[in-house]
Amino acid sequence: MTAKQKELKKHLIKVCHTLKRDKFPDDDIRKDYLFVTYGKTSTSELSIDQLKEFAIFLGYGRAAYEKKPFIKDKSEKTVQNATQSQIDTIEGVWFRIAREPSDWSLRNYIHRITGMRPLYLRFLSRTDAGKVITGLLKMQEDWNKKREEKNEQS
């Protein structure tokens, strides 16, 4: 690895560590995501291309600015919408334990629980987000049990 590549990798690791709190509530979920996605448990083990992909997933770069919607209507703010921590929890748990970790499958799961399929998770009400989190945490417990049983068998 050349000096420029080492410096780029070091920079990308810093970026990932800076942005990780926006997507992952704790380090265990982040490490599980890295293991499921890349087969590694640390950002230092990732290649430069994998680090770039992970940084973009965390919200680094121009793509992150394009995804943030601009809210003109103040009436939307008066409704008790889901908090950012609820949204982060839903995404963090879902992308960690889902068989098919995609946005569309998450929307389908939310539709089964709440009866609505939101375009953005911020359109969920706080009570609906609480229901989704409760369901995901139950699913996570089952996932952890299956994982422990699998580890005991091997």
C-alpha atoms as a PDB file:
ATOM      1  CA  MET A   1       0.000   0.000   0.000  1.00  0.00           C
ATOM      2  CA  THR A   2       1.411   3.383  -0.993  1.00  0.00           C
ATOM      3  CA  ALA A   3       1.643   6.372   1.337  1.00  0.00           C
ATOM      4  CA  LYS A   4      -1.324   8.067  -0.344  1.00  0.00           C
ATOM      5  CA  GLN A   5      -3.442   4.945   0.022  1.00  0.00           C
ATOM      6  CA  LYS A   6      -2.510   4.663   3.701  1.00  0.00           C
ATOM      7  CA  GLU A   7      -3.455   8.295   4.261  1.00  0.00           C
ATOM      8  CA  LEU A   8      -6.752   7.841   2.404  1.00  0.00           C
ATOM      9  CA  LYS A   9      -7.557   4.759   4.452  1.00  0.00           C
ATOM     10  CA  LYS A  10      -6.745   6.613   7.679  1.00  0.00           C
ATOM     11  CA  HIS A  11      -8.999   9.500   6.602  1.00  0.00           C
ATOM     12  CA  LEU A  12     -11.884   7.187   5.705  1.00  0.00           C
ATOM     13  CA  ILE A  13     -11.615   5.410   9.058  1.00  0.00           C
ATOM     14  CA  LYS A  14     -11.828   8.792  10.817  1.00  0.00           C
ATOM     15  CA  VAL A  15     -14.878   9.705   8.741  1.00  0.00           C
ATOM     16  CA  CYS A  16     -16.569   6.401   9.557  1.00  0.00           C
ATOM     17  CA  HIS A  17     -15.893   6.793  13.261  1.00  0.00           C
ATOM     18  CA  THR A  18     -17.236  10.348  13.185  1.00  0.00           C
ATOM     19  CA  LEU A  19     -20.469   9.405  11.400  1.00  0.00           C
ATOM     20  CA  LYS A  20     -21.157   6.052  13.042  1.00  0.00           C
ATOM     21  CA  ARG A  21     -23.320   7.554  15.822  1.00  0.00           C
ATOM     22  CA  ASP A  22     -25.857   8.767  13.251  1.00  0.00           C
ATOM     23  CA  LYS A  23     -26.705   5.229  12.092  1.00  0.00           C
ATOM     24  CA  PHE A  24     -25.777   2.903  14.942  1.00  0.00           C
ATOM     25  CA  PRO A  25     -26.910   3.404  18.549  1.00  0.00           C
ATOM     26  CA  ASP A  26     -24.018   1.325  19.916  1.00  0.00           C
ATOM     27  CA  ASP A  27     -20.781  -0.324  18.804  1.00  0.00           C
ATOM     28  CA  ASP A  28     -22.104  -3.897  18.963  1.00  0.00           C
ATOM     29  CA  ILE A  29     -24.717  -3.187  16.295  1.00  0.00           C
ATOM     30  CA  ARG A  30     -22.079  -1.468  14.135  1.00  0.00           C
ATOM     31  CA  LYS A  31     -19.691  -4.416  14.510  1.00  0.00           C
ATOM     32  CA  ASP A  32     -22.467  -6.875  13.664  1.00  0.00           C
ATOM     33  CA  TYR A  33     -23.367  -4.824  10.581  1.00  0.00           C
ATOM     34  CA  LEU A  34     -19.728  -4.835   9.473  1.00  0.00           C
ATOM     35  CA  PHE A  35     -19.482  -8.587  10.041  1.00  0.00           C
ATOM     36  CA  VAL A  36     -22.699  -9.357   8.148  1.00  0.00           C
ATOM     37  CA  THR A  37     -21.903  -6.984   5.283  1.00  0.00           C
ATOM     38  CA  TYR A  38     -18.129  -7.318   4.875  1.00  0.00           C
ATOM     39  CA  GLY A  39     -17.116 -10.288   7.024  1.00  0.00           C
ATOM     40  CA  LYS A  40     -14.943  -8.065   9.237  1.00  0.00           C
ATOM     41  CA  THR A  41     -15.544  -6.613  12.717  1.00  0.00           C
ATOM     42  CA  SER A  42     -13.415  -3.484  12.526  1.00  0.00           C
ATOM     43  CA  THR A  43     -13.117  -0.601  10.090  1.00  0.00           C
ATOM     44  CA  SER A  44      -9.325  -0.993  10.104  1.00  0.00           C
ATOM     45  CA  GLU A  45      -9.735  -4.431   8.490  1.00  0.00           C
ATOM     46  CA  LEU A  46     -11.758  -3.057   5.553  1.00  0.00           C
ATOM     47  CA  SER A  47     -10.257  -2.262   2.162  1.00  0.00           C
ATOM     48  CA  ILE A  48     -10.348   1.277   0.770  1.00  0.00           C
ATOM     49  CA  ASP A  49     -13.303   0.485  -1.514  1.00  0.00           C
ATOM     50  CA  GLN A  50     -15.227  -1.072   1.371  1.00  0.00           C
ATOM     51  CA  LEU A  51     -14.449   1.954   3.548  1.00  0.00           C
ATOM     52  CA  LYS A  52     -15.750   4.285   0.829  1.00  0.00           C
ATOM     53  CA  GLU A  53     -18.941   2.271   0.539  1.00  0.00           C
ATOM     54  CA  PHE A  54     -19.395   2.201   4.333  1.00  0.00           C
ATOM     55  CA  ALA A  55     -18.739   5.959   4.615  1.00  0.00           C
ATOM     56  CA  ILE A  56     -21.384   6.682   1.970  1.00  0.00           C
ATOM     57  CA  PHE A  57     -23.811   4.407   3.837  1.00  0.00           C
ATOM     58  CA  LEU A  58     -23.132   6.437   6.985  1.00  0.00           C
ATOM     59  CA  GLY A  59     -23.945   9.663   5.137  1.00  0.00           C
ATOM     60  CA  TYR A  60     -20.609  10.933   3.845  1.00  0.00           C
ATOM     61  CA  GLY A  61     -20.448  12.876   0.590  1.00  0.00           C
ATOM     62  CA  ARG A  62     -22.834  14.595  -1.757  1.00  0.00           C
ATOM     63  CA  ALA A  63     -25.354  11.725  -1.776  1.00  0.00           C
ATOM     64  CA  ALA A  64     -26.099  12.361   1.902  1.00  0.00           C
ATOM     65  CA  TYR A  65     -27.082  15.968   1.234  1.00  0.00           C
ATOM     66  CA  GLU A  66     -29.421  14.986  -1.581  1.00  0.00           C
ATOM     67  CA  LYS A  67     -31.329  12.527   0.622  1.00  0.00           C
ATOM     68  CA  LYS A  68     -32.293  15.087   3.284  1.00  0.00           C
ATOM     69  CA  PRO A  69     -35.709  16.467   2.398  1.00  0.00           C
ATOM     70  CA  PHE A  70     -36.492  20.128   2.840  1.00  0.00           C
ATOM     71  CA  ILE A  71     -39.632  20.718   4.906  1.00  0.00           C
ATOM     72  CA  LYS A  72     -41.570  23.850   3.958  1.00  0.00           C
ATOM     73  CA  ASP A  73     -44.851  22.976   5.623  1.00  0.00           C
ATOM     74  CA  LYS A  74     -44.807  23.753   9.348  1.00  0.00           C
ATOM     75  CA  SER A  75     -47.909  21.631   9.975  1.00  0.00           C
ATOM     76  CA  GLU A  76     -45.770  18.509   9.555  1.00  0.00           C
ATOM     77  CA  LYS A  77     -43.656  19.596  12.498  1.00  0.00           C
ATOM     78  CA  THR A  78     -46.685  19.909  14.802  1.00  0.00           C
ATOM     79  CA  VAL A  79     -47.505  16.204  14.479  1.00  0.00           C
ATOM     80  CA  GLN A  80     -45.711  13.957  16.948  1.00  0.00           C
ATOM     81  CA  ASN A  81     -43.441  12.299  14.396  1.00  0.00           C
ATOM     82  CA  ALA A  82     -40.878   9.653  15.236  1.00  0.00           C
ATOM     83  CA  THR A  83     -37.727  10.963  16.855  1.00  0.00           C
ATOM     84  CA  GLN A  84     -34.349  10.588  15.190  1.00  0.00           C
ATOM     85  CA  SER A  85     -33.240   8.122  17.880  1.00  0.00           C
ATOM     86  CA  GLN A  86     -36.304   5.944  17.149  1.00  0.00           C
ATOM     87  CA  ILE A  87     -35.510   6.012  13.434  1.00  0.00           C
ATOM     88  CA  ASP A  88     -31.839   5.145  14.097  1.00  0.00           C
ATOM     89  CA  THR A  89     -32.881   2.255  16.340  1.00  0.00           C
ATOM     90  CA  ILE A  90     -35.301   0.890  13.738  1.00  0.00           C
ATOM     91  CA  GLU A  91     -32.707   1.064  10.952  1.00  0.00           C
ATOM     92  CA  GLY A  92     -29.865  -0.241  13.126  1.00  0.00           C
ATOM     93  CA  VAL A  93     -31.750  -3.305  14.335  1.00  0.00           C
ATOM     94  CA  TRP A  94     -33.395  -4.009  10.966  1.00  0.00           C
ATOM     95  CA  PHE A  95     -30.216  -3.915   8.896  1.00  0.00           C
ATOM     96  CA  ARG A  96     -28.521  -6.121  11.472  1.00  0.00           C
ATOM     97  CA  ILE A  97     -31.024  -8.974  11.770  1.00  0.00           C
ATOM     98  CA  ALA A  98     -33.170  -8.953   8.626  1.00  0.00           C
ATOM     99  CA  ARG A  99     -32.929 -11.804   6.149  1.00  0.00           C
ATOM    100  CA  GLU A 100     -33.325  -9.289   3.335  1.00  0.00           C
ATOM    101  CA  PRO A 101     -31.863  -6.013   4.635  1.00  0.00           C
ATOM    102  CA  SER A 102     -33.343  -3.510   2.197  1.00  0.00           C
ATOM    103  CA  ASP A 103     -35.408  -0.366   2.606  1.00  0.00           C
ATOM    104  CA  TRP A 104     -38.344  -1.917   0.779  1.00  0.00           C
ATOM    105  CA  SER A 105     -38.462  -4.977   3.038  1.00  0.00           C
ATOM    106  CA  LEU A 106     -38.306  -2.662   6.077  1.00  0.00           C
ATOM    107  CA  ARG A 107     -41.294  -0.716   4.702  1.00  0.00           C
ATOM    108  CA  ASN A 108     -43.172  -4.012   4.240  1.00  0.00           C
ATOM    109  CA  TYR A 109     -42.413  -4.990   7.829  1.00  0.00           C
ATOM    110  CA  ILE A 110     -43.667  -1.597   9.065  1.00  0.00           C
ATOM    111  CA  HIS A 111     -46.803  -2.067   6.939  1.00  0.00           C
ATOM    112  CA  ARG A 112     -47.515  -5.414   8.636  1.00  0.00           C
ATOM    113  CA  ILE A 113     -47.259  -3.796  12.078  1.00  0.00           C
ATOM    114  CA  THR A 114     -48.858  -0.371  11.558  1.00  0.00           C
ATOM    115  CA  GLY A 115     -51.014  -0.792   8.465  1.00  0.00           C
ATOM    116  CA  MET A 116     -49.201   1.998   6.624  1.00  0.00           C
ATOM    117  CA  ARG A 117     -46.154   2.010   4.372  1.00  0.00           C
ATOM    118  CA  PRO A 118     -44.282   5.290   5.004  1.00  0.00           C
ATOM    119  CA  LEU A 119     -42.213   6.898   2.282  1.00  0.00           C
ATOM    120  CA  TYR A 120     -39.746   8.111   4.915  1.00  0.00           C
ATOM    121  CA  LEU A 121     -39.400   6.759   8.431  1.00  0.00           C
ATOM    122  CA  ARG A 122     -39.767  10.272   9.818  1.00  0.00           C
ATOM    123  CA  PHE A 123     -43.434  10.156   8.747  1.00  0.00           C
ATOM    124  CA  LEU A 124     -44.133   7.464  11.352  1.00  0.00           C
ATOM    125  CA  SER A 125     -45.852   8.646  14.500  1.00  0.00           C
ATOM    126  CA  ARG A 126     -44.041   8.147  17.776  1.00  0.00           C
ATOM    127  CA  THR A 127     -46.494   5.466  18.883  1.00  0.00           C
ATOM    128  CA  ASP A 128     -46.173   3.576  15.581  1.00  0.00           C
ATOM    129  CA  ALA A 129     -42.373   3.812  15.814  1.00  0.00           C
ATOM    130  CA  GLY A 130     -42.597   2.404  19.351  1.00  0.00           C
ATOM    131  CA  LYS A 131     -44.668  -0.546  18.076  1.00  0.00           C
ATOM    132  CA  VAL A 132     -42.124  -1.222  15.315  1.00  0.00           C
ATOM    133  CA  ILE A 133     -39.219  -1.028  17.784  1.00  0.00           C
ATOM    134  CA  THR A 134     -40.965  -3.444  20.141  1.00  0.00           C
ATOM    135  CA  GLY A 135     -41.491  -5.916  17.301  1.00  0.00           C
ATOM    136  CA  LEU A 136     -37.904  -5.566  16.112  1.00  0.00           C
ATOM    137  CA  LEU A 137     -36.522  -6.094  19.616  1.00  0.00           C
ATOM    138  CA  LYS A 138     -38.560  -9.302  19.946  1.00  0.00           C
ATOM    139  CA  MET A 139     -37.240 -10.421  16.571  1.00  0.00           C
ATOM    140  CA  GLN A 140     -33.711  -9.534  17.707  1.00  0.00           C
ATOM    141  CA  GLU A 141     -34.097 -11.672  20.850  1.00  0.00           C
ATOM    142  CA  ASP A 142     -35.144 -14.647  18.704  1.00  0.00           C
ATOM    143  CA  TRP A 143     -32.234 -13.942  16.348  1.00  0.00           C
ATOM    144  CA  ASN A 144     -29.793 -13.876  19.282  1.00  0.00           C
ATOM    145  CA  LYS A 145     -31.192 -17.162  20.654  1.00  0.00           C
ATOM    146  CA  LYS A 146     -30.801 -18.874  17.272  1.00  0.00           C
ATOM    147  CA  ARG A 147     -27.280 -17.494  16.977  1.00  0.00           C
ATOM    148  CA  GLU A 148     -26.342 -18.804  20.449  1.00  0.00           C
ATOM    149  CA  GLU A 149     -27.830 -22.229  19.693  1.00  0.00           C
ATOM    150  CA  LYS A 150     -25.869 -22.331  16.448  1.00  0.00           C
ATOM    151  CA  ASN A 151     -22.649 -21.461  18.303  1.00  0.00           C
ATOM    152  CA  GLU A 152     -23.316 -24.157  20.934  1.00  0.00           C
ATOM    153  CA  GLN A 153     -23.815 -26.810  18.258  1.00  0.00           C
ATOM    154  CA  SER A 154     -20.500 -26.050  16.564  1.00  0.00           C
END
